[in-house]
Amino acid sequence: MSIKELQEKRNKLMQDAQKLLKNPTAETRTMFDAQMADVDLLEADIERAERSAKYDVEQRIAGRPPRSQPGFTATDTNEQAAGEHRALEQYIRFGNVSEENRSFLRPAGIEQRDLGTGAVAGSITGGAQLISESFFPLLTQAQKSWGALTTILNVKKTDNGSPMKVALENDTTNILSVIGEGVATSEADPVLSGLISSTDFCSTGVVKVSLAELQDSAFSLDQFIRDAFGKRYWRGVSSMISAGSSSGNVQSIVTSATVGASSAAPTAISYGDFVSIYGALDPAYIDNASWVFNSTTRAALMGVVDTLGRPLFQPSPNAGAFDTLLGRPVVLNQYQPNATAGLRAVMFGDFSSGYTFRQVQGDLSILRLNERYADTGEVGFIGYARIGGFATDAGTHPIVALQQHA
């Protein structure tokens, strides 16, 4: 598990633990202590991972020592540096260099080699034969954020992926009623409903690596592939939760959200739109509510002001903390649609109450295929996972969305 994933898991535990303190009981105190013990273990894992990563960086940046010039040995390094300093100082101050310091000057951009420079007769055919190729020891990787939507959802881990029955109950319409003396009370049952959660079997695709490359690579290909598969997994999870899977076993959180308000314009969002969507959420969900949209929408909101000209978007002064809108945190989801006619660019609500992400036996499993490609001298790597997702709205709509004007 990467450092970022460990940090996200720790943050999720801290958020869950904070919720338990709202109504302290003997049971919630015990649960809080257990979660804080898990937080301590995760922080220790994060520290170990950071130390390991620091060591890897130090090893990667440790390249070949600079080549000494012909005639100089390792013991001459300090003398060479001091002589170059004196020569440079004389040149800057007087415009010329004394004879004794001139030997320390080197033509800019030219390496001094005593063999293989230019046309050489005999067995030496060129300098390239004696000079090893250098290698940039860092692997430059393209980055793409998938947002932090999965960190605010309810996560359910199951031992298997068989269909799971989910029960929902809504008793919010039933209240006290006045009855006359001797009058029978009418029946008022809660509204019960439910759904069946199924899972999808998902794959990262196969990556093939030759045995020769595994032996010769300057990088740990096993670690590289594990990191790549982990990113594929979370990008895929965020995409499926946002748009839904082709089978429907991962339900779209965007389309399942209840429309709380409609914007006045098809491609723009105003202060009044946020006021409307804020008011559409039941106050029971406000304390744990978050705003969800993508970075493009966030950029557009930086110019939006309220009726007094104050910026609606408030950058947080604390590094690493979420930004806020109307006092509630903002969570980026890069797979949320942009502000486009007929789509839902903004969601607001208690996402841990409104949606459950289901994982079967952990996050992602990786197999190394040793036999399948043995005849070509290759091994294959493949990652797979079983996941599901479903809205948990019993009737009072914990997640509401802003529908763009058509």
Protein backbone atom coordinates (compact mmCIF):
# COMPACT_ATOMS: atom_id res chain seq x y z
CA MET A 1 0.00 0.00 0.00
CA SER A 2 1.40 3.43 -0.96
CA ILE A 3 2.05 6.27 1.48
CA LYS A 4 -0.91 8.21 0.08
CA GLU A 5 -3.25 5.25 0.50
CA LEU A 6 -2.06 4.76 4.09
CA GLN A 7 -2.64 8.45 4.81
CA GLU A 8 -6.12 8.33 3.28
CA LYS A 9 -6.98 5.25 5.33
CA ARG A 10 -5.71 6.96 8.51
CA ASN A 11 -7.74 10.11 7.73
CA LYS A 12 -10.87 8.02 7.16
CA LEU A 13 -10.41 6.32 10.54
CA MET A 14 -9.91 9.70 12.23
CA GLN A 15 -13.13 11.04 10.67
CA ASP A 16 -15.06 7.96 11.75
CA ALA A 17 -13.61 8.24 15.25
CA GLN A 18 -14.65 11.89 15.51
CA LYS A 19 -18.24 10.96 14.67
CA LEU A 20 -18.30 8.57 17.64
CA LEU A 21 -17.57 11.43 20.06
CA LYS A 22 -20.75 13.28 19.13
CA ASN A 23 -22.84 10.92 21.30
CA PRO A 24 -20.40 9.33 23.78
CA THR A 25 -21.47 6.08 25.36
CA ALA A 26 -19.57 3.15 26.82
CA GLU A 27 -19.84 1.37 23.46
CA THR A 28 -18.75 4.35 21.36
CA ARG A 29 -15.81 5.03 23.71
CA THR A 30 -14.63 1.44 23.25
CA MET A 31 -15.02 1.76 19.47
CA PHE A 32 -13.17 5.09 19.54
CA ASP A 33 -10.23 3.59 21.46
CA ALA A 34 -10.06 0.67 19.01
CA GLN A 35 -10.06 3.00 15.99
CA MET A 36 -7.38 5.21 17.55
CA ALA A 37 -5.24 2.11 18.10
CA ASP A 38 -5.60 1.38 14.38
CA VAL A 39 -4.65 5.01 13.65
CA ASP A 40 -1.46 4.59 15.71
CA LEU A 41 -0.56 1.46 13.72
CA LEU A 42 -1.19 3.25 10.43
CA GLU A 43 0.94 6.22 11.49
CA ALA A 44 3.75 3.82 12.33
CA ASP A 45 3.35 2.21 8.89
CA ILE A 46 3.39 5.65 7.26
CA GLU A 47 6.63 6.52 9.08
CA ARG A 48 8.22 3.25 7.93
CA ALA A 49 7.07 3.80 4.35
CA GLU A 50 8.39 7.38 4.33
CA ARG A 51 11.78 6.22 5.64
CA SER A 52 11.90 3.52 2.98
CA ALA A 53 10.93 5.99 0.25
CA LYS A 54 13.59 8.45 1.45
CA TYR A 55 16.21 5.72 1.22
CA ASP A 56 15.09 4.81 -2.31
CA VAL A 57 15.39 8.44 -3.41
CA GLU A 58 18.86 8.71 -1.91
CA GLN A 59 19.94 5.60 -3.77
CA ARG A 60 18.48 6.83 -7.07
CA ILE A 61 20.15 10.22 -6.94
CA ALA A 62 23.51 8.73 -6.07
CA GLY A 63 25.06 8.73 -9.54
CA ARG A 64 28.57 8.14 -10.84
CA PRO A 65 31.10 10.55 -9.24
CA PRO A 66 32.28 13.33 -11.54
CA ARG A 67 35.22 12.39 -13.77
CA SER A 68 38.55 13.89 -12.78
CA GLN A 69 40.60 15.59 -15.46
CA PRO A 70 43.71 13.83 -16.79
CA GLY A 71 46.65 14.41 -14.49
CA PHE A 72 44.54 14.80 -11.34
CA THR A 73 43.85 12.16 -8.74
CA ALA A 74 41.21 12.01 -6.02
CA THR A 75 43.59 13.71 -3.58
CA ASP A 76 43.89 16.68 -5.92
CA THR A 77 40.19 17.56 -5.79
CA ASN A 78 40.43 20.27 -3.13
CA GLU A 79 43.47 21.84 -4.79
CA GLN A 80 41.68 21.88 -8.16
CA ALA A 81 38.58 23.53 -6.67
CA ALA A 82 40.67 26.16 -4.86
CA GLY A 83 42.66 26.90 -8.02
CA GLU A 84 39.49 27.29 -10.10
CA HIS A 85 38.12 29.69 -7.48
CA ARG A 86 41.28 31.82 -7.58
CA ALA A 87 41.28 31.88 -11.37
CA LEU A 88 37.62 32.92 -11.52
CA GLU A 89 38.14 35.64 -8.92
CA GLN A 90 41.10 37.10 -10.87
CA TYR A 91 39.15 37.02 -14.11
CA ILE A 92 36.16 38.83 -12.58
CA ARG A 93 38.25 41.47 -10.78
CA PHE A 94 40.97 42.17 -13.33
CA GLY A 95 39.83 40.69 -16.65
CA ASN A 96 42.81 38.32 -16.91
CA VAL A 97 44.32 35.40 -15.05
CA SER A 98 47.87 34.97 -13.85
CA GLU A 99 50.07 32.33 -15.39
CA GLU A 100 50.12 30.20 -12.24
CA ASN A 101 46.31 29.99 -12.13
CA ARG A 102 45.72 29.68 -15.88
CA SER A 103 46.22 25.92 -15.78
CA PHE A 104 43.04 25.59 -13.73
CA LEU A 105 40.90 27.03 -16.52
CA ARG A 106 38.95 24.61 -18.74
CA PRO A 107 37.24 25.41 -22.03
CA ALA A 108 33.49 25.58 -21.38
CA GLY A 109 31.53 22.52 -22.52
CA ILE A 110 34.64 20.49 -23.52
CA GLU A 111 35.69 17.37 -21.64
CA GLN A 112 39.43 16.70 -21.68
CA ARG A 113 40.17 13.12 -22.69
CA ASP A 114 43.58 11.80 -23.62
CA LEU A 115 42.23 8.87 -25.68
CA GLY A 116 39.78 8.59 -28.53
CA THR A 117 39.20 12.25 -29.32
CA GLY A 118 38.95 12.90 -33.03
CA ALA A 119 40.39 10.65 -35.75
CA VAL A 120 42.76 8.18 -34.14
CA ALA A 121 44.66 5.54 -36.10
CA GLY A 122 45.11 2.02 -34.85
CA SER A 123 42.92 0.07 -32.46
CA ILE A 124 41.37 3.17 -30.87
CA THR A 125 38.51 4.18 -33.19
CA GLY A 126 36.79 6.88 -31.15
CA GLY A 127 36.06 8.16 -27.68
CA ALA A 128 32.68 6.43 -27.56
CA GLN A 129 34.40 3.08 -27.13
CA LEU A 130 35.86 4.08 -23.77
CA ILE A 131 33.01 6.16 -22.32
CA SER A 132 30.04 4.49 -20.61
CA GLU A 133 26.56 5.88 -21.18
CA SER A 134 25.06 7.86 -18.33
CA PHE A 135 21.56 7.15 -17.03
CA PHE A 136 19.02 9.44 -15.41
CA PRO A 137 18.16 7.47 -12.24
CA LEU A 138 14.58 8.74 -11.80
CA LEU A 139 11.56 7.29 -13.59
CA THR A 140 9.39 10.20 -14.70
CA GLN A 141 5.73 9.21 -14.55
CA ALA A 142 2.62 10.96 -15.83
CA GLN A 143 0.23 11.90 -13.04
CA LYS A 144 -3.55 12.09 -13.09
CA SER A 145 -5.69 12.76 -10.04
CA TRP A 146 -8.82 10.70 -9.44
CA GLY A 147 -9.99 12.87 -6.57
CA ALA A 148 -10.86 11.91 -3.01
CA LEU A 149 -14.47 10.75 -3.41
CA THR A 150 -13.76 7.26 -2.08
CA THR A 151 -12.48 8.67 1.22
CA ILE A 152 -15.91 10.03 2.27
CA LEU A 153 -18.07 7.04 1.31
CA ASN A 154 -19.18 4.21 3.54
CA VAL A 155 -16.92 1.23 2.78
CA LYS A 156 -18.20 -2.31 3.31
CA LYS A 157 -15.71 -5.18 3.06
CA THR A 158 -17.17 -8.65 2.58
CA ASP A 159 -15.58 -12.10 2.60
CA ASN A 160 -17.20 -13.05 -0.70
CA GLY A 161 -18.98 -11.41 -3.60
CA SER A 162 -22.33 -13.19 -3.37
CA PRO A 163 -25.52 -11.09 -3.61
CA MET A 164 -26.09 -9.15 -0.39
CA LYS A 165 -29.51 -7.99 0.78
CA VAL A 166 -29.66 -4.40 2.03
CA ALA A 167 -32.60 -3.24 4.16
CA LEU A 168 -33.80 0.38 4.27
CA GLU A 169 -36.30 1.98 6.67
CA ASN A 170 -38.06 5.34 6.62
CA ASP A 171 -40.20 6.36 9.60
CA THR A 172 -39.68 10.10 9.23
CA THR A 173 -43.29 10.87 8.27
CA ASN A 174 -44.73 9.39 11.46
CA ILE A 175 -45.17 11.78 14.38
CA LEU A 176 -47.38 12.16 17.42
CA SER A 177 -51.10 12.58 16.79
CA VAL A 178 -53.91 13.71 19.06
CA ILE A 179 -56.67 11.17 19.66
CA GLY A 180 -59.88 11.40 21.57
CA GLU A 181 -60.60 9.53 24.77
CA GLY A 182 -61.65 5.99 24.04
CA VAL A 183 -60.69 6.29 20.37
CA ALA A 184 -58.61 3.48 18.88
CA THR A 185 -55.14 4.39 17.53
CA SER A 186 -54.63 3.86 13.81
CA GLU A 187 -51.78 1.75 12.49
CA ALA A 188 -48.64 3.66 11.46
CA ASP A 189 -45.95 1.25 10.30
CA PRO A 190 -42.50 2.40 9.15
CA VAL A 191 -41.85 2.23 5.41
CA LEU A 192 -39.50 -0.66 4.74
CA SER A 193 -37.65 -1.23 1.48
CA GLY A 194 -34.49 -2.90 0.27
CA LEU A 195 -32.16 -3.80 -2.55
CA ILE A 196 -29.74 -6.52 -3.59
CA SER A 197 -26.05 -5.66 -3.90
CA SER A 198 -24.06 -7.67 -6.44
CA THR A 199 -20.41 -7.31 -7.43
CA ASP A 200 -18.38 -6.95 -10.62
CA PHE A 201 -15.16 -8.83 -11.35
CA CYS A 202 -12.69 -6.23 -12.62
CA SER A 203 -9.20 -6.46 -14.08
CA THR A 204 -6.33 -4.04 -14.57
CA GLY A 205 -5.27 -5.77 -17.79
CA VAL A 206 -2.06 -7.76 -18.29
CA VAL A 207 1.41 -6.23 -18.32
CA LYS A 208 4.08 -8.48 -19.85
CA VAL A 209 7.76 -8.12 -18.98
CA SER A 210 10.62 -10.12 -20.48
CA LEU A 211 12.88 -12.10 -18.19
CA ALA A 212 15.86 -10.20 -19.59
CA GLU A 213 14.29 -6.88 -18.66
CA LEU A 214 13.53 -8.11 -15.15
CA GLN A 215 17.21 -8.99 -14.76
CA ASP A 216 18.66 -5.85 -16.36
CA SER A 217 16.27 -3.09 -15.31
CA ALA A 218 17.68 -0.29 -13.18
CA PHE A 219 14.31 -0.03 -11.43
CA SER A 220 12.29 -2.46 -9.36
CA LEU A 221 9.72 -3.52 -11.96
CA ASP A 222 7.70 -5.46 -9.40
CA GLN A 223 7.26 -2.32 -7.31
CA PHE A 224 6.62 -0.19 -10.38
CA ILE A 225 3.84 -2.51 -11.58
CA ARG A 226 2.27 -2.71 -8.13
CA ASP A 227 2.13 1.08 -7.94
CA ALA A 228 0.73 1.33 -11.48
CA PHE A 229 -1.96 -1.27 -10.76
CA GLY A 230 -2.90 0.50 -7.53
CA LYS A 231 -3.46 3.74 -9.43
CA ARG A 232 -5.44 1.91 -12.13
CA TYR A 233 -7.61 0.43 -9.40
CA TRP A 234 -8.48 3.71 -7.71
CA ARG A 235 -8.99 5.53 -11.00
CA GLY A 236 -11.33 2.74 -12.08
CA VAL A 237 -13.18 2.72 -8.77
CA SER A 238 -13.72 6.49 -8.84
CA SER A 239 -14.86 6.34 -12.45
CA MET A 240 -17.33 3.51 -11.84
CA ILE A 241 -18.78 5.06 -8.69
CA SER A 242 -19.28 8.33 -10.56
CA ALA A 243 -20.68 6.99 -13.84
CA GLY A 244 -21.74 3.47 -12.83
CA SER A 245 -20.44 0.18 -14.21
CA SER A 246 -21.74 -1.38 -17.43
CA SER A 247 -23.46 -4.16 -15.46
CA GLY A 248 -25.10 -1.80 -12.97
CA ASN A 249 -23.55 -3.61 -10.01
CA VAL A 250 -21.66 -0.40 -9.22
CA GLN A 251 -24.42 2.18 -9.15
CA SER A 252 -23.69 5.75 -10.26
CA ILE A 253 -23.62 8.06 -7.27
CA VAL A 254 -24.28 11.01 -9.60
CA THR A 255 -27.47 9.71 -11.19
CA SER A 256 -28.75 8.14 -7.97
CA ALA A 257 -28.51 11.44 -6.09
CA THR A 258 -31.76 13.33 -5.72
CA VAL A 259 -32.05 16.59 -7.69
CA GLY A 260 -32.22 19.28 -5.02
CA ALA A 261 -32.15 22.35 -7.26
CA SER A 262 -31.73 23.42 -10.89
CA SER A 263 -29.25 26.05 -12.04
CA ALA A 264 -30.36 29.21 -13.77
CA ALA A 265 -27.90 28.72 -16.64
CA PRO A 266 -26.84 25.59 -18.54
CA THR A 267 -23.08 26.03 -18.18
CA ALA A 268 -22.65 28.39 -15.21
CA ILE A 269 -23.18 28.16 -11.45
CA SER A 270 -24.14 31.17 -9.33
CA TYR A 271 -24.18 31.92 -5.64
CA GLY A 272 -27.94 31.45 -5.61
CA ASP A 273 -27.54 27.91 -6.98
CA PHE A 274 -25.38 26.97 -4.00
CA VAL A 275 -27.84 28.52 -1.59
CA SER A 276 -30.64 26.47 -3.18
CA ILE A 277 -28.76 23.18 -3.05
CA TYR A 278 -27.65 23.85 0.53
CA GLY A 279 -31.26 24.43 1.53
CA ALA A 280 -32.41 21.27 -0.25
CA LEU A 281 -30.42 19.01 2.10
CA ASP A 282 -32.18 18.00 5.30
CA PRO A 283 -30.40 19.51 8.33
CA ALA A 284 -30.00 16.01 9.77
CA TYR A 285 -27.20 15.48 7.23
CA ILE A 286 -25.54 18.92 7.38
CA ASP A 287 -23.02 18.18 10.16
CA ASN A 288 -21.26 15.55 8.05
CA ALA A 289 -22.00 17.05 4.63
CA SER A 290 -19.43 17.76 1.90
CA TRP A 291 -19.46 19.39 -1.51
CA VAL A 292 -18.29 17.23 -4.42
CA PHE A 293 -17.27 18.48 -7.87
CA ASN A 294 -14.22 18.38 -10.15
CA SER A 295 -11.28 20.79 -10.39
CA THR A 296 -12.69 22.49 -13.50
CA THR A 297 -15.83 23.44 -11.59
CA ARG A 298 -13.71 24.58 -8.66
CA ALA A 299 -11.71 26.86 -10.95
CA ALA A 300 -14.94 28.39 -12.28
CA LEU A 301 -16.15 29.01 -8.72
CA MET A 302 -13.10 31.06 -7.78
CA GLY A 303 -14.72 34.07 -9.46
CA VAL A 304 -18.18 33.60 -7.91
CA VAL A 305 -19.15 36.04 -5.13
CA ASP A 306 -22.11 36.34 -2.81
CA THR A 307 -24.52 39.27 -2.73
CA LEU A 308 -22.01 41.34 -0.73
CA GLY A 309 -19.15 40.72 -3.16
CA ARG A 310 -17.33 38.23 -0.92
CA PRO A 311 -15.71 35.21 -2.61
CA LEU A 312 -17.82 32.10 -2.31
CA PHE A 313 -14.77 29.88 -2.59
CA GLN A 314 -12.65 30.10 0.57
CA PRO A 315 -9.14 28.59 0.33
CA SER A 316 -8.12 26.98 3.60
CA PRO A 317 -5.13 28.58 5.41
CA ASN A 318 -4.11 25.15 6.74
CA ALA A 319 -1.93 23.07 4.44
CA GLY A 320 -3.52 19.78 3.50
CA ALA A 321 -7.03 20.73 4.65
CA PHE A 322 -10.03 20.84 2.35
CA ASP A 323 -11.31 24.14 1.04
CA THR A 324 -14.80 25.14 2.08
CA LEU A 325 -18.05 26.48 0.65
CA LEU A 326 -20.68 27.85 3.03
CA GLY A 327 -18.73 26.31 5.89
CA ARG A 328 -18.66 22.75 4.52
CA PRO A 329 -15.58 20.99 3.06
CA VAL A 330 -14.97 20.53 -0.64
CA VAL A 331 -13.95 17.10 -1.96
CA LEU A 332 -12.69 16.86 -5.54
CA ASN A 333 -13.94 14.08 -7.83
CA GLN A 334 -12.23 14.26 -11.20
CA TYR A 335 -14.88 12.00 -12.76
CA GLN A 336 -17.72 14.34 -11.85
CA PRO A 337 -19.12 15.97 -15.04
CA ASN A 338 -18.44 19.62 -15.85
CA ALA A 339 -21.16 22.24 -15.71
CA THR A 340 -22.99 21.17 -18.87
CA ALA A 341 -26.66 21.46 -19.81
CA GLY A 342 -28.65 18.58 -18.36
CA LEU A 343 -25.79 17.17 -16.21
CA ARG A 344 -25.04 17.31 -12.50
CA ALA A 345 -21.77 19.13 -11.83
CA VAL A 346 -22.26 19.59 -8.08
CA MET A 347 -23.36 17.22 -5.31
CA PHE A 348 -23.86 18.01 -1.64
CA GLY A 349 -24.63 15.77 1.31
CA ASP A 350 -23.53 13.14 3.78
CA PHE A 351 -21.83 10.66 1.47
CA SER A 352 -21.08 8.12 4.19
CA SER A 353 -24.84 7.86 4.78
CA GLY A 354 -25.86 8.07 1.13
CA TYR A 355 -23.58 5.59 -0.65
CA THR A 356 -21.78 2.33 0.18
CA PHE A 357 -18.74 1.09 -1.70
CA ARG A 358 -18.36 -2.68 -1.43
CA GLN A 359 -14.99 -4.46 -1.57
CA VAL A 360 -14.50 -8.22 -1.60
CA GLN A 361 -11.50 -9.43 0.41
CA GLY A 362 -9.57 -6.17 0.43
CA ASP A 363 -8.62 -3.72 -2.30
CA LEU A 364 -6.68 -5.32 -5.15
CA SER A 365 -5.03 -8.68 -5.73
CA ILE A 366 -2.03 -9.02 -8.07
CA LEU A 367 -0.97 -12.25 -9.75
CA ARG A 368 2.35 -12.99 -11.41
CA LEU A 369 1.81 -15.27 -14.43
CA ASN A 370 4.98 -17.31 -14.64
CA GLU A 371 3.80 -20.17 -16.86
CA ARG A 372 1.48 -18.50 -19.37
CA TYR A 373 4.22 -16.66 -21.28
CA ALA A 374 7.13 -18.98 -20.47
CA ASP A 375 7.62 -19.99 -24.12
CA THR A 376 8.44 -16.37 -25.06
CA GLY A 377 10.69 -15.75 -22.06
CA GLU A 378 8.24 -13.40 -20.39
CA VAL A 379 6.17 -13.11 -17.23
CA GLY A 380 2.82 -11.40 -16.94
CA PHE A 381 1.31 -9.32 -14.17
CA ILE A 382 -2.42 -8.85 -13.71
CA GLY A 383 -4.49 -7.19 -11.00
CA TYR A 384 -8.08 -8.05 -10.22
CA ALA A 385 -10.76 -7.02 -7.75
CA ARG A 386 -14.43 -7.62 -7.03
CA ILE A 387 -16.33 -4.46 -6.21
CA GLY A 388 -19.87 -3.18 -5.90
CA GLY A 389 -21.60 0.05 -4.98
CA PHE A 390 -25.12 1.15 -4.14
CA ALA A 391 -27.03 4.21 -2.95
CA THR A 392 -28.39 4.00 0.59
CA ASP A 393 -31.26 6.47 0.45
CA ALA A 394 -34.14 5.33 2.65
CA GLY A 395 -36.25 8.30 1.64
CA THR A 396 -34.86 11.54 3.07
CA HIS A 397 -32.09 12.00 0.48
CA PRO A 398 -28.69 12.25 2.20
CA ILE A 399 -27.12 13.35 -1.13
CA VAL A 400 -28.63 16.06 -3.32
CA ALA A 401 -27.42 17.28 -6.71
CA LEU A 402 -27.54 20.51 -8.68
CA GLN A 403 -29.11 19.87 -12.08
CA GLN A 404 -27.74 22.15 -14.80
CA HIS A 405 -30.43 24.02 -16.69
CA ALA A 406 -31.22 22.33 -20.02
